[in-house]
PDB file of N, CA and C in Angstrom:
ATOM      1  N   UNK A   1      61.075  88.580  69.122  1.00  0.00           N
ATOM      2  CA  UNK A   1      61.580  87.315  69.606  1.00  0.00           C
ATOM      3  C   UNK A   1      62.903  87.562  70.334  1.00  0.00           C
ATOM      4  N   UNK A   2      63.036  86.971  71.519  1.00  0.00           N
ATOM      5  CA  UNK A   2      64.239  87.154  72.324  1.00  0.00           C
ATOM      6  C   UNK A   2      65.332  86.183  71.888  1.00  0.00           C
ATOM      7  N   UNK A   3      66.573  86.663  72.010  1.00  0.00           N
ATOM      8  CA  UNK A   3      67.707  85.791  71.709  1.00  0.00           C
ATOM      9  C   UNK A   3      67.923  84.834  72.882  1.00  0.00           C
ATOM     10  N   UNK A   4      68.745  83.840  72.682  1.00  0.00           N
ATOM     11  CA  UNK A   4      69.062  82.879  73.743  1.00  0.00           C
ATOM     12  C   UNK A   4      69.692  83.600  74.931  1.00  0.00           C
ATOM     13  N   UNK A   5      70.516  84.578  74.653  1.00  0.00           N
ATOM     14  CA  UNK A   5      71.162  85.362  75.710  1.00  0.00           C
ATOM     15  C   UNK A   5      70.116  86.089  76.548  1.00  0.00           C
ATOM     16  N   UNK A   6      69.179  86.748  75.884  1.00  0.00           N
ATOM     17  CA  UNK A   6      68.140  87.495  76.594  1.00  0.00           C
ATOM     18  C   UNK A   6      67.251  86.570  77.419  1.00  0.00           C
ATOM     19  N   UNK A   7      66.951  85.404  76.895  1.00  0.00           N
ATOM     20  CA  UNK A   7      66.166  84.437  77.654  1.00  0.00           C
ATOM     21  C   UNK A   7      66.912  83.956  78.893  1.00  0.00           C
ATOM     22  N   UNK A   8      68.182  83.664  78.712  1.00  0.00           N
ATOM     23  CA  UNK A   8      68.999  83.214  79.842  1.00  0.00           C
ATOM     24  C   UNK A   8      69.106  84.306  80.900  1.00  0.00           C
ATOM     25  N   UNK A   9      69.284  85.531  80.464  1.00  0.00           N
ATOM     26  CA  UNK A   9      69.393  86.646  81.416  1.00  0.00           C
ATOM     27  C   UNK A   9      68.078  86.862  82.169  1.00  0.00           C
ATOM     28  N   UNK A  10      66.952  86.722  81.512  1.00  0.00           N
ATOM     29  CA  UNK A  10      65.672  86.911  82.193  1.00  0.00           C
ATOM     30  C   UNK A  10      65.423  85.781  83.192  1.00  0.00           C
ATOM     31  N   UNK A  11      65.839  84.558  82.857  1.00  0.00           N
ATOM     32  CA  UNK A  11      65.724  83.452  83.820  1.00  0.00           C
ATOM     33  C   UNK A  11      66.629  83.685  85.018  1.00  0.00           C
ATOM     34  N   UNK A  12      67.819  84.135  84.758  1.00  0.00           N
ATOM     35  CA  UNK A  12      68.762  84.421  85.837  1.00  0.00           C
ATOM     36  C   UNK A  12      68.232  85.527  86.743  1.00  0.00           C
ATOM     37  N   UNK A  13      67.638  86.548  86.167  1.00  0.00           N
ATOM     38  CA  UNK A  13      67.071  87.661  86.934  1.00  0.00           C
ATOM     39  C   UNK A  13      65.975  87.164  87.873  1.00  0.00           C
ATOM     40  N   UNK A  14      65.190  86.185  87.421  1.00  0.00           N
ATOM     41  CA  UNK A  14      64.128  85.636  88.269  1.00  0.00           C
ATOM     42  C   UNK A  14      64.706  84.852  89.439  1.00  0.00           C
ATOM     43  N   UNK A  15      65.779  84.107  89.187  1.00  0.00           N
ATOM     44  CA  UNK A  15      66.392  83.282  90.223  1.00  0.00           C
ATOM     45  C   UNK A  15      67.197  84.108  91.222  1.00  0.00           C
ATOM     46  N   UNK A  16      67.934  85.074  90.739  1.00  0.00           N
ATOM     47  CA  UNK A  16      68.789  85.910  91.594  1.00  0.00           C
ATOM     48  C   UNK A  16      68.690  87.346  91.099  1.00  0.00           C
ATOM     49  N   UNK A  17      67.722  88.094  91.617  1.00  0.00           N
ATOM     50  CA  UNK A  17      67.540  89.471  91.140  1.00  0.00           C
ATOM     51  C   UNK A  17      68.797  90.326  91.328  1.00  0.00           C
ATOM     52  N   UNK A  18      68.983  91.225  90.396  1.00  0.00           N
ATOM     53  CA  UNK A  18      70.119  92.135  90.474  1.00  0.00           C
ATOM     54  C   UNK A  18      69.866  93.119  91.610  1.00  0.00           C
ATOM     55  N   UNK A  19      70.861  93.253  92.467  1.00  0.00           N
ATOM     56  CA  UNK A  19      70.724  94.117  93.633  1.00  0.00           C
ATOM     57  C   UNK A  19      71.140  95.532  93.277  1.00  0.00           C
ATOM     58  N   UNK A  20      70.326  96.489  93.640  1.00  0.00           N
ATOM     59  CA  UNK A  20      70.640  97.892  93.423  1.00  0.00           C
ATOM     60  C   UNK A  20      71.402  98.407  94.643  1.00  0.00           C
ATOM     61  N   UNK A  21      72.498  99.088  94.394  1.00  0.00           N
ATOM     62  CA  UNK A  21      73.312  99.639  95.480  1.00  0.00           C
ATOM     63  C   UNK A  21      73.064 101.137  95.606  1.00  0.00           C
ATOM     64  N   UNK A  22      73.083 101.599  96.845  1.00  0.00           N
ATOM     65  CA  UNK A  22      72.939 103.033  97.070  1.00  0.00           C
ATOM     66  C   UNK A  22      74.268 103.710  96.745  1.00  0.00           C
ATOM     67  N   UNK A  23      74.235 105.023  96.650  1.00  0.00           N
ATOM     68  CA  UNK A  23      75.470 105.777  96.388  1.00  0.00           C
ATOM     69  C   UNK A  23      76.478 105.562  97.510  1.00  0.00           C
ATOM     70  N   UNK A  24      75.986 105.473  98.756  1.00  0.00           N
ATOM     71  CA  UNK A  24      76.873 105.257  99.896  1.00  0.00           C
ATOM     72  C   UNK A  24      77.529 103.880  99.815  1.00  0.00           C
ATOM     73  N   UNK A  25      76.756 102.858  99.434  1.00  0.00           N
ATOM     74  CA  UNK A  25      77.321 101.520  99.290  1.00  0.00           C
ATOM     75  C   UNK A  25      78.371 101.487  98.183  1.00  0.00           C
ATOM     76  N   UNK A  26      78.089 102.164  97.079  1.00  0.00           N
ATOM     77  CA  UNK A  26      79.056 102.236  95.985  1.00  0.00           C
ATOM     78  C   UNK A  26      80.338 102.921  96.434  1.00  0.00           C
ATOM     79  N   UNK A  27      80.196 103.986  97.214  1.00  0.00           N
ATOM     80  CA  UNK A  27      81.362 104.705  97.723  1.00  0.00           C
ATOM     81  C   UNK A  27      82.184 103.802  98.649  1.00  0.00           C
ATOM     82  N   UNK A  28      81.502 103.079  99.542  1.00  0.00           N
ATOM     83  CA  UNK A  28      82.201 102.189 100.475  1.00  0.00           C
ATOM     84  C   UNK A  28      82.932 101.077  99.732  1.00  0.00           C
ATOM     85  N   UNK A  29      82.297 100.532  98.717  1.00  0.00           N
ATOM     86  CA  UNK A  29      82.930  99.470  97.927  1.00  0.00           C
ATOM     87  C   UNK A  29      84.146 100.017  97.185  1.00  0.00           C
ATOM     88  N   UNK A  30      84.040 101.230  96.663  1.00  0.00           N
ATOM     89  CA  UNK A  30      85.178 101.851  95.977  1.00  0.00           C
ATOM     90  C   UNK A  30      86.334 102.080  96.953  1.00  0.00           C
ATOM     91  N   UNK A  31      86.019 102.473  98.191  1.00  0.00           N
ATOM     92  CA  UNK A  31      87.059 102.664  99.205  1.00  0.00           C
ATOM     93  C   UNK A  31      87.752 101.341  99.533  1.00  0.00           C
ATOM     94  N   UNK A  32      86.970 100.281  99.635  1.00  0.00           N
ATOM     95  CA  UNK A  32      87.542  98.959  99.911  1.00  0.00           C
ATOM     96  C   UNK A  32      88.472  98.550  98.776  1.00  0.00           C
ATOM     97  N   UNK A  33      88.013  98.733  97.530  1.00  0.00           N
ATOM     98  CA  UNK A  33      88.857  98.397  96.378  1.00  0.00           C
ATOM     99  C   UNK A  33      90.162  99.181  96.415  1.00  0.00           C
ATOM    100  N   UNK A  34      90.074 100.452  96.703  1.00  0.00           N
ATOM    101  CA  UNK A  34      91.264 101.300  96.748  1.00  0.00           C
ATOM    102  C   UNK A  34      92.221 100.839  97.845  1.00  0.00           C
ATOM    103  N   UNK A  35      91.674 100.563  99.019  1.00  0.00           N
ATOM    104  CA  UNK A  35      92.495 100.123 100.155  1.00  0.00           C
ATOM    105  C   UNK A  35      93.183  98.789  99.862  1.00  0.00           C
ATOM    106  N   UNK A  36      92.430  97.830  99.358  1.00  0.00           N
ATOM    107  CA  UNK A  36      92.998  96.507  99.083  1.00  0.00           C
ATOM    108  C   UNK A  36      93.994  96.571  97.926  1.00  0.00           C
ATOM    109  N   UNK A  37      93.708  97.373  96.909  1.00  0.00           N
ATOM    110  CA  UNK A  37      94.660  97.527  95.800  1.00  0.00           C
ATOM    111  C   UNK A  37      95.981  98.091  96.308  1.00  0.00           C
ATOM    112  N   UNK A  38      95.923  99.030  97.245  1.00  0.00           N
ATOM    113  CA  UNK A  38      97.145  99.597  97.821  1.00  0.00           C
ATOM    114  C   UNK A  38      97.915  98.532  98.599  1.00  0.00           C
ATOM    115  N   UNK A  39      97.205  97.717  99.375  1.00  0.00           N
ATOM    116  CA  UNK A  39      97.864  96.661 100.144  1.00  0.00           C
ATOM    117  C   UNK A  39      98.481  95.618  99.215  1.00  0.00           C
ATOM    118  N   UNK A  40      97.781  95.289  98.132  1.00  0.00           N
ATOM    119  CA  UNK A  40      98.313  94.335  97.161  1.00  0.00           C
ATOM    120  C   UNK A  40      99.594  94.881  96.536  1.00  0.00           C
ATOM    121  N   UNK A  41      99.572  96.147  96.149  1.00  0.00           N
ATOM    122  CA  UNK A  41     100.761  96.761  95.552  1.00  0.00           C
ATOM    123  C   UNK A  41     101.924  96.745  96.536  1.00  0.00           C
ATOM    124  N   UNK A  42     101.636  97.049  97.793  1.00  0.00           N
ATOM    125  CA  UNK A  42     102.673  97.055  98.829  1.00  0.00           C
ATOM    126  C   UNK A  42     103.291  95.665  98.983  1.00  0.00           C
ATOM    127  N   UNK A  43     102.460  94.634  99.058  1.00  0.00           N
ATOM    128  CA  UNK A  43     102.958  93.260  99.204  1.00  0.00           C
ATOM    129  C   UNK A  43     103.784  92.851  97.984  1.00  0.00           C
ATOM    130  N   UNK A  44     103.288  93.201  96.793  1.00  0.00           N
ATOM    131  CA  UNK A  44     104.015  92.841  95.571  1.00  0.00           C
ATOM    132  C   UNK A  44     105.389  93.495  95.531  1.00  0.00           C
ATOM    133  N   UNK A  45     105.441  94.775  95.827  1.00  0.00           N
ATOM    134  CA  UNK A  45     106.722  95.487  95.789  1.00  0.00           C
ATOM    135  C   UNK A  45     107.694  94.866  96.781  1.00  0.00           C
ATOM    136  N   UNK A  46     107.225  94.633  98.012  1.00  0.00           N
ATOM    137  CA  UNK A  46     108.115  94.085  99.043  1.00  0.00           C
ATOM    138  C   UNK A  46     108.584  92.680  98.679  1.00  0.00           C
ATOM    139  N   UNK A  47     107.639  91.785  98.379  1.00  0.00           N
ATOM    140  CA  UNK A  47     108.020  90.392  98.152  1.00  0.00           C
ATOM    141  C   UNK A  47     108.753  90.193  96.833  1.00  0.00           C
ATOM    142  N   UNK A  48     108.412  90.945  95.804  1.00  0.00           N
ATOM    143  CA  UNK A  48     109.176  90.848  94.563  1.00  0.00           C
ATOM    144  C   UNK A  48     110.598  91.355  94.769  1.00  0.00           C
ATOM    145  N   UNK A  49     110.768  92.355  95.628  1.00  0.00           N
ATOM    146  CA  UNK A  49     112.114  92.816  95.980  1.00  0.00           C
ATOM    147  C   UNK A  49     112.891  91.737  96.712  1.00  0.00           C
ATOM    148  N   UNK A  50     112.213  91.034  97.620  1.00  0.00           N
ATOM    149  CA  UNK A  50     112.860  89.942  98.346  1.00  0.00           C
ATOM    150  C   UNK A  50     113.232  88.801  97.404  1.00  0.00           C
ATOM    151  N   UNK A  51     112.393  88.548  96.414  1.00  0.00           N
ATOM    152  CA  UNK A  51     112.693  87.495  95.432  1.00  0.00           C
ATOM    153  C   UNK A  51     113.951  87.866  94.654  1.00  0.00           C
ATOM    154  N   UNK A  52     114.068  89.112  94.275  1.00  0.00           N
ATOM    155  CA  UNK A  52     115.255  89.567  93.546  1.00  0.00           C
ATOM    156  C   UNK A  52     116.498  89.445  94.429  1.00  0.00           C
ATOM    157  N   UNK A  53     116.369  89.816  95.710  1.00  0.00           N
ATOM    158  CA  UNK A  53     117.502  89.725  96.639  1.00  0.00           C
ATOM    159  C   UNK A  53     117.972  88.286  96.828  1.00  0.00           C
ATOM    160  N   UNK A  54     117.037  87.343  96.727  1.00  0.00           N
ATOM    161  CA  UNK A  54     117.398  85.944  96.957  1.00  0.00           C
ATOM    162  C   UNK A  54     117.811  85.230  95.673  1.00  0.00           C
ATOM    163  N   UNK A  55     118.255  85.984  94.696  1.00  0.00           N
ATOM    164  CA  UNK A  55     118.700  85.396  93.428  1.00  0.00           C
ATOM    165  C   UNK A  55     119.757  84.334  93.704  1.00  0.00           C
ATOM    166  N   UNK A  56     119.608  83.204  93.054  1.00  0.00           N
ATOM    167  CA  UNK A  56     120.567  82.116  93.244  1.00  0.00           C
ATOM    168  C   UNK A  56     120.076  81.083  94.234  1.00  0.00           C
ATOM    169  N   UNK A  57     119.144  81.448  95.094  1.00  0.00           N
ATOM    170  CA  UNK A  57     118.572  80.507  96.068  1.00  0.00           C
ATOM    171  C   UNK A  57     117.148  80.170  95.628  1.00  0.00           C
ATOM    172  N   UNK A  58     117.048  79.144  94.808  1.00  0.00           N
ATOM    173  CA  UNK A  58     115.755  78.814  94.209  1.00  0.00           C
ATOM    174  C   UNK A  58     114.724  78.392  95.255  1.00  0.00           C
ATOM    175  N   UNK A  59     115.160  77.748  96.334  1.00  0.00           N
ATOM    176  CA  UNK A  59     114.219  77.358  97.385  1.00  0.00           C
ATOM    177  C   UNK A  59     113.602  78.588  98.049  1.00  0.00           C
ATOM    178  N   UNK A  60     114.432  79.563  98.347  1.00  0.00           N
ATOM    179  CA  UNK A  60     113.942  80.794  98.969  1.00  0.00           C
ATOM    180  C   UNK A  60     113.015  81.540  98.020  1.00  0.00           C
ATOM    181  N   UNK A  61     113.377  81.571  96.743  1.00  0.00           N
ATOM    182  CA  UNK A  61     112.533  82.253  95.761  1.00  0.00           C
ATOM    183  C   UNK A  61     111.174  81.567  95.639  1.00  0.00           C
ATOM    184  N   UNK A  62     111.180  80.246  95.613  1.00  0.00           N
ATOM    185  CA  UNK A  62     109.922  79.505  95.527  1.00  0.00           C
ATOM    186  C   UNK A  62     109.049  79.776  96.747  1.00  0.00           C
ATOM    187  N   UNK A  63     109.653  79.801  97.912  1.00  0.00           N
ATOM    188  CA  UNK A  63     108.898  80.077  99.140  1.00  0.00           C
ATOM    189  C   UNK A  63     108.326  81.496  99.121  1.00  0.00           C
ATOM    190  N   UNK A  64     109.113  82.450  98.661  1.00  0.00           N
ATOM    191  CA  UNK A  64     108.624  83.822  98.566  1.00  0.00           C
ATOM    192  C   UNK A  64     107.495  83.951  97.545  1.00  0.00           C
ATOM    193  N   UNK A  65     107.594  83.226  96.457  1.00  0.00           N
ATOM    194  CA  UNK A  65     106.512  83.244  95.452  1.00  0.00           C
ATOM    195  C   UNK A  65     105.226  82.638  96.023  1.00  0.00           C
ATOM    196  N   UNK A  66     105.375  81.552  96.798  1.00  0.00           N
ATOM    197  CA  UNK A  66     104.200  80.953  97.442  1.00  0.00           C
ATOM    198  C   UNK A  66     103.596  81.921  98.451  1.00  0.00           C
ATOM    199  N   UNK A  67     104.473  82.594  99.191  1.00  0.00           N
ATOM    200  CA  UNK A  67     104.002  83.573 100.170  1.00  0.00           C
ATOM    201  C   UNK A  67     103.258  84.710  99.473  1.00  0.00           C
ATOM    202  N   UNK A  68     103.793  85.178  98.358  1.00  0.00           N
ATOM    203  CA  UNK A  68     103.145  86.254  97.605  1.00  0.00           C
ATOM    204  C   UNK A  68     101.770  85.806  97.108  1.00  0.00           C
ATOM    205  N   UNK A  69     101.696  84.615  96.547  1.00  0.00           N
ATOM    206  CA  UNK A  69     100.411  84.102  96.059  1.00  0.00           C
ATOM    207  C   UNK A  69      99.414  83.960  97.205  1.00  0.00           C
ATOM    208  N   UNK A  70      99.880  83.488  98.333  1.00  0.00           N
ATOM    209  CA  UNK A  70      99.020  83.323  99.506  1.00  0.00           C
ATOM    210  C   UNK A  70      98.511  84.666 100.017  1.00  0.00           C
ATOM    211  N   UNK A  71      99.403  85.637 100.099  1.00  0.00           N
ATOM    212  CA  UNK A  71      99.016  86.974 100.567  1.00  0.00           C
ATOM    213  C   UNK A  71      98.013  87.624  99.622  1.00  0.00           C
ATOM    214  N   UNK A  72      98.231  87.479  98.325  1.00  0.00           N
ATOM    215  CA  UNK A  72      97.311  88.062  97.345  1.00  0.00           C
ATOM    216  C   UNK A  72      95.936  87.400  97.438  1.00  0.00           C
ATOM    217  N   UNK A  73      95.914  86.094  97.588  1.00  0.00           N
ATOM    218  CA  UNK A  73      94.636  85.379  97.716  1.00  0.00           C
ATOM    219  C   UNK A  73      93.915  85.801  98.991  1.00  0.00           C
ATOM    220  N   UNK A  74      94.666  85.947 100.082  1.00  0.00           N
ATOM    221  CA  UNK A  74      94.072  86.363 101.355  1.00  0.00           C
ATOM    222  C   UNK A  74      93.460  87.758 101.239  1.00  0.00           C
ATOM    223  N   UNK A  75      94.171  88.667 100.594  1.00  0.00           N
ATOM    224  CA  UNK A  75      93.667  90.029 100.425  1.00  0.00           C
ATOM    225  C   UNK A  75      92.430  90.059  99.524  1.00  0.00           C
ATOM    226  N   UNK A  76      92.421  89.271  98.463  1.00  0.00           N
ATOM    227  CA  UNK A  76      91.252  89.210  97.584  1.00  0.00           C
ATOM    228  C   UNK A  76      90.040  88.654  98.327  1.00  0.00           C
ATOM    229  N   UNK A  77      90.287  87.642  99.155  1.00  0.00           N
ATOM    230  CA  UNK A  77      89.198  87.069  99.944  1.00  0.00           C
ATOM    231  C   UNK A  77      88.651  88.094 100.940  1.00  0.00           C
ATOM    232  N   UNK A  78      89.555  88.818 101.559  1.00  0.00           N
ATOM    233  CA  UNK A  78      89.151  89.871 102.503  1.00  0.00           C
ATOM    234  C   UNK A  78      88.321  90.935 101.783  1.00  0.00           C
ATOM    235  N   UNK A  79      88.745  91.309 100.581  1.00  0.00           N
ATOM    236  CA  UNK A  79      88.027  92.306  99.789  1.00  0.00           C
ATOM    237  C   UNK A  79      86.587  91.842  99.544  1.00  0.00           C
ATOM    238  N   UNK A  80      86.441  90.602  99.069  1.00  0.00           N
ATOM    239  CA  UNK A  80      85.111  90.094  98.742  1.00  0.00           C
ATOM    240  C   UNK A  80      84.224  89.960  99.978  1.00  0.00           C
ATOM    241  N   UNK A  81      84.796  89.540 101.101  1.00  0.00           N
ATOM    242  CA  UNK A  81      84.014  89.435 102.336  1.00  0.00           C
ATOM    243  C   UNK A  81      83.485  90.807 102.756  1.00  0.00           C
ATOM    244  N   UNK A  82      84.353  91.805 102.714  1.00  0.00           N
ATOM    245  CA  UNK A  82      83.935  93.146 103.115  1.00  0.00           C
ATOM    246  C   UNK A  82      82.883  93.717 102.157  1.00  0.00           C
ATOM    247  N   UNK A  83      83.067  93.471 100.855  1.00  0.00           N
ATOM    248  CA  UNK A  83      82.098  93.961  99.872  1.00  0.00           C
ATOM    249  C   UNK A  83      80.744  93.265 100.046  1.00  0.00           C
ATOM    250  N   UNK A  84      80.778  91.973 100.338  1.00  0.00           N
ATOM    251  CA  UNK A  84      79.524  91.233 100.565  1.00  0.00           C
ATOM    252  C   UNK A  84      78.769  91.775 101.774  1.00  0.00           C
ATOM    253  N   UNK A  85      79.507  92.097 102.846  1.00  0.00           N
ATOM    254  CA  UNK A  85      78.856  92.676 104.032  1.00  0.00           C
ATOM    255  C   UNK A  85      78.152  93.979 103.689  1.00  0.00           C
ATOM    256  N   UNK A  86      78.774  94.794 102.860  1.00  0.00           N
ATOM    257  CA  UNK A  86      78.165  96.070 102.460  1.00  0.00           C
ATOM    258  C   UNK A  86      76.951  95.813 101.583  1.00  0.00           C
ATOM    259  N   UNK A  87      77.064  94.892 100.655  1.00  0.00           N
ATOM    260  CA  UNK A  87      75.935  94.593  99.763  1.00  0.00           C
ATOM    261  C   UNK A  87      74.723  94.077 100.520  1.00  0.00           C
ATOM    262  N   UNK A  88      74.975  93.287 101.575  1.00  0.00           N
ATOM    263  CA  UNK A  88      73.873  92.705 102.347  1.00  0.00           C
ATOM    264  C   UNK A  88      73.291  93.706 103.346  1.00  0.00           C
ATOM    265  N   UNK A  89      73.976  94.805 103.536  1.00  0.00           N
ATOM    266  CA  UNK A  89      73.445  95.844 104.412  1.00  0.00           C
ATOM    267  C   UNK A  89      73.967  95.692 105.781  1.00  0.00           C
TER     268      UNK A  89
END
């Protein structure tokens, strides 16, 4: 007898089959992750440094924090778009 989890997973598999990736696709996705992680680290280091420099100016700090959040979201979106293109072939 299957558990509720196993039943749900088998239904999900029927609706959206799990896609098998080739070794080349896995390598490309790993390269994208590495590249985007490096860009994220670069943005964090730079903007967190700017936030520290603007100590005492809460408006500037808030703007820099918004900019950092925006940049991180943009990079994550770029990562997922590129990975989706690879997955779709």
